[in-house]
Amino acid sequence: MDVKKLKAGLQVILALSKPFVEKLIETKFIPMAKCYLYSSFQKKKDRLVANILKLYEKYQNCDNPEKKERHKKGLLLGLDAMEQIAQSLIDSVEKIRAEIK
């Protein structure tokens, strides 16, 4: 087969299929990717919050003042870490959005 004819045939096929492929990406792949990313971040956030809540429960239910103080320090450390992670994510989003505009 002639390479020029093959190339011309492929260009026609690509030209005809381009709108379909673009629509498919916009309607299926992008929403799926958003959903997957959101779900992934949500699961990680849920695990982090669950761990913080366990520490809080230990802190609330502890009768020993020394242990309660250690639980409090761990809880505050976990809250600080969670806050720093959240701020880091916000900073990253702002930087990326600034690059897009």
Foldseek 3Di string as FASTA:
>chain_A
DDPVVVVVVVVVVCVVCVVVVVVCCVPPVVVVVVVVVVVVVVVVVVVLVVVLVVLVVCLVPDPDPVVNVVSVVVSVVSVVVVVVVVVVVVVVVVVVVVVVD
